[in-house]
N, C-alpha and C. Protein backbone atom coordinates (compact mmCIF):
# COMPACT_ATOMS: atom_id res chain seq x y z
N MET A 1 4.36 6.94 20.88
CA MET A 1 5.41 7.12 19.89
C MET A 1 5.39 8.59 19.46
N PRO A 2 6.55 9.19 19.35
CA PRO A 2 6.60 10.58 18.91
C PRO A 2 6.09 10.72 17.48
N GLU A 3 5.43 11.81 17.24
CA GLU A 3 4.94 12.07 15.88
C GLU A 3 6.10 12.40 14.97
N LYS A 4 5.99 11.96 13.73
CA LYS A 4 6.99 12.29 12.72
C LYS A 4 6.27 13.08 11.64
N ILE A 5 6.81 14.19 11.30
CA ILE A 5 6.23 15.02 10.25
C ILE A 5 6.93 14.68 8.95
N VAL A 6 6.13 14.40 7.94
CA VAL A 6 6.65 14.07 6.62
C VAL A 6 6.11 15.08 5.63
N ARG A 7 6.98 15.58 4.77
CA ARG A 7 6.56 16.51 3.72
C ARG A 7 6.73 15.81 2.39
N ALA A 8 5.81 16.05 1.50
CA ALA A 8 5.91 15.43 0.17
C ALA A 8 5.34 16.39 -0.87
N ARG A 9 5.96 16.38 -2.02
CA ARG A 9 5.41 17.12 -3.16
C ARG A 9 4.51 16.15 -3.92
N LEU A 10 3.26 16.54 -4.08
CA LEU A 10 2.30 15.67 -4.75
C LEU A 10 2.22 15.99 -6.23
N ASP A 11 2.19 14.93 -7.03
CA ASP A 11 1.93 15.11 -8.45
C ASP A 11 0.41 15.15 -8.64
N ASP A 12 -0.04 15.33 -9.87
CA ASP A 12 -1.48 15.45 -10.11
C ASP A 12 -2.25 14.22 -9.66
N GLU A 13 -1.71 13.04 -9.95
CA GLU A 13 -2.39 11.79 -9.57
C GLU A 13 -2.52 11.68 -8.05
N SER A 14 -1.45 11.99 -7.34
CA SER A 14 -1.47 11.93 -5.88
C SER A 14 -2.41 12.97 -5.29
N ARG A 15 -2.40 14.15 -5.87
CA ARG A 15 -3.27 15.23 -5.40
C ARG A 15 -4.75 14.84 -5.56
N LEU A 16 -5.09 14.22 -6.69
CA LEU A 16 -6.47 13.78 -6.91
C LEU A 16 -6.85 12.66 -5.94
N ALA A 17 -5.92 11.74 -5.70
CA ALA A 17 -6.19 10.65 -4.76
C ALA A 17 -6.41 11.19 -3.35
N LEU A 18 -5.58 12.14 -2.94
CA LEU A 18 -5.74 12.75 -1.63
C LEU A 18 -7.08 13.46 -1.53
N ARG A 19 -7.44 14.19 -2.56
CA ARG A 19 -8.73 14.89 -2.56
C ARG A 19 -9.88 13.90 -2.42
N MET A 20 -9.79 12.75 -3.11
CA MET A 20 -10.84 11.74 -3.04
C MET A 20 -10.97 11.19 -1.62
N LEU A 21 -9.83 10.92 -0.97
CA LEU A 21 -9.88 10.40 0.39
C LEU A 21 -10.42 11.44 1.37
N VAL A 22 -10.04 12.68 1.19
CA VAL A 22 -10.52 13.75 2.07
C VAL A 22 -12.04 13.91 1.92
N ARG A 23 -12.54 13.72 0.73
CA ARG A 23 -14.00 13.84 0.51
C ARG A 23 -14.78 12.78 1.26
N THR A 24 -14.12 11.68 1.67
CA THR A 24 -14.82 10.65 2.45
C THR A 24 -14.96 11.04 3.91
N GLY A 25 -14.36 12.18 4.28
CA GLY A 25 -14.47 12.66 5.65
C GLY A 25 -13.17 12.60 6.44
N MET A 26 -12.11 12.08 5.81
CA MET A 26 -10.82 12.02 6.49
C MET A 26 -10.14 13.38 6.43
N THR A 27 -9.29 13.63 7.42
CA THR A 27 -8.41 14.78 7.31
C THR A 27 -7.29 14.40 6.34
N GLU A 28 -6.51 15.38 5.91
CA GLU A 28 -5.38 15.06 5.03
C GLU A 28 -4.41 14.12 5.74
N SER A 29 -4.16 14.36 7.01
CA SER A 29 -3.24 13.50 7.77
C SER A 29 -3.77 12.07 7.86
N GLU A 30 -5.06 11.93 8.16
CA GLU A 30 -5.66 10.60 8.23
C GLU A 30 -5.58 9.89 6.88
N ALA A 31 -5.84 10.63 5.82
CA ALA A 31 -5.81 10.05 4.48
C ALA A 31 -4.41 9.56 4.12
N VAL A 32 -3.41 10.35 4.43
CA VAL A 32 -2.03 9.96 4.13
C VAL A 32 -1.63 8.75 4.97
N ARG A 33 -1.95 8.77 6.27
CA ARG A 33 -1.61 7.63 7.13
C ARG A 33 -2.30 6.36 6.65
N THR A 34 -3.58 6.46 6.30
CA THR A 34 -4.33 5.31 5.82
C THR A 34 -3.73 4.77 4.53
N ALA A 35 -3.40 5.66 3.61
CA ALA A 35 -2.82 5.24 2.34
C ALA A 35 -1.49 4.54 2.55
N LEU A 36 -0.66 5.04 3.45
CA LEU A 36 0.63 4.40 3.73
C LEU A 36 0.45 3.00 4.31
N VAL A 37 -0.45 2.86 5.27
CA VAL A 37 -0.69 1.56 5.89
C VAL A 37 -1.25 0.58 4.86
N GLU A 38 -2.21 1.02 4.05
CA GLU A 38 -2.80 0.14 3.04
C GLU A 38 -1.78 -0.26 1.97
N ALA A 39 -0.93 0.66 1.57
CA ALA A 39 0.10 0.35 0.57
C ALA A 39 1.09 -0.67 1.13
N ALA A 40 1.48 -0.51 2.39
CA ALA A 40 2.41 -1.46 3.00
C ALA A 40 1.77 -2.85 3.12
N ALA A 41 0.50 -2.89 3.50
CA ALA A 41 -0.19 -4.18 3.61
C ALA A 41 -0.30 -4.86 2.25
N ALA A 42 -0.60 -4.08 1.22
CA ALA A 42 -0.71 -4.65 -0.13
C ALA A 42 0.62 -5.20 -0.60
N ARG A 43 1.70 -4.50 -0.32
CA ARG A 43 3.03 -5.00 -0.71
C ARG A 43 3.37 -6.27 0.06
N GLY A 44 2.99 -6.33 1.31
CA GLY A 44 3.23 -7.54 2.10
C GLY A 44 2.46 -8.72 1.54
N THR A 45 1.22 -8.48 1.13
CA THR A 45 0.41 -9.52 0.52
C THR A 45 1.02 -9.96 -0.79
N ASP A 46 1.47 -9.02 -1.61
CA ASP A 46 2.12 -9.35 -2.88
C ASP A 46 3.36 -10.21 -2.65
N ALA A 47 4.16 -9.85 -1.66
CA ALA A 47 5.38 -10.59 -1.38
C ALA A 47 5.06 -12.01 -0.91
N ALA A 48 4.05 -12.16 -0.08
CA ALA A 48 3.66 -13.48 0.40
C ALA A 48 3.14 -14.34 -0.75
N LEU A 49 2.34 -13.75 -1.61
CA LEU A 49 1.81 -14.48 -2.77
C LEU A 49 2.94 -14.88 -3.71
N ARG A 50 3.86 -13.98 -3.94
CA ARG A 50 5.01 -14.28 -4.80
C ARG A 50 5.82 -15.43 -4.23
N ALA A 51 6.07 -15.41 -2.93
CA ALA A 51 6.85 -16.47 -2.28
C ALA A 51 6.12 -17.81 -2.38
N GLU A 52 4.82 -17.81 -2.20
CA GLU A 52 4.04 -19.04 -2.32
C GLU A 52 4.09 -19.59 -3.74
N CYS A 53 3.98 -18.73 -4.72
CA CYS A 53 4.07 -19.15 -6.13
C CYS A 53 5.44 -19.74 -6.43
N GLU A 54 6.48 -19.10 -5.93
CA GLU A 54 7.84 -19.61 -6.15
C GLU A 54 8.01 -20.97 -5.50
N ARG A 55 7.45 -21.13 -4.29
CA ARG A 55 7.54 -22.42 -3.60
C ARG A 55 6.83 -23.51 -4.39
N MET A 56 5.65 -23.19 -4.90
CA MET A 56 4.88 -24.17 -5.68
C MET A 56 5.57 -24.50 -7.00
N MET A 57 6.12 -23.51 -7.65
CA MET A 57 6.79 -23.74 -8.94
C MET A 57 8.05 -24.60 -8.76
N ALA A 58 8.64 -24.58 -7.59
CA ALA A 58 9.83 -25.38 -7.32
C ALA A 58 9.48 -26.85 -7.07
N ASN A 59 8.21 -27.14 -6.87
CA ASN A 59 7.75 -28.51 -6.62
C ASN A 59 7.17 -29.08 -7.91
N PRO A 60 7.83 -30.07 -8.54
CA PRO A 60 7.34 -30.62 -9.81
C PRO A 60 5.93 -31.18 -9.73
N ASP A 61 5.52 -31.65 -8.55
CA ASP A 61 4.16 -32.18 -8.40
C ASP A 61 3.10 -31.09 -8.46
N GLN A 62 3.49 -29.84 -8.25
CA GLN A 62 2.55 -28.72 -8.27
C GLN A 62 2.44 -28.06 -9.63
N VAL A 63 3.36 -28.38 -10.53
CA VAL A 63 3.40 -27.72 -11.84
C VAL A 63 2.71 -28.59 -12.87
N ALA A 64 1.76 -28.02 -13.60
CA ALA A 64 1.02 -28.80 -14.61
C ALA A 64 1.85 -29.02 -15.85
């Protein structure tokens, strides 16, 4: 897959987070790629959990 270059202006919180990840031995590029993948996975997990809760709440036998 062709590489895509992304530019971003970092705020203080993002800059500190990037610095923390780089201190673990990652390059800046590795840190950004890892953070993006982890954030997407977390959102996917949140969405799945939300959908499961909605499904259960729609079933009167599941609601206390």
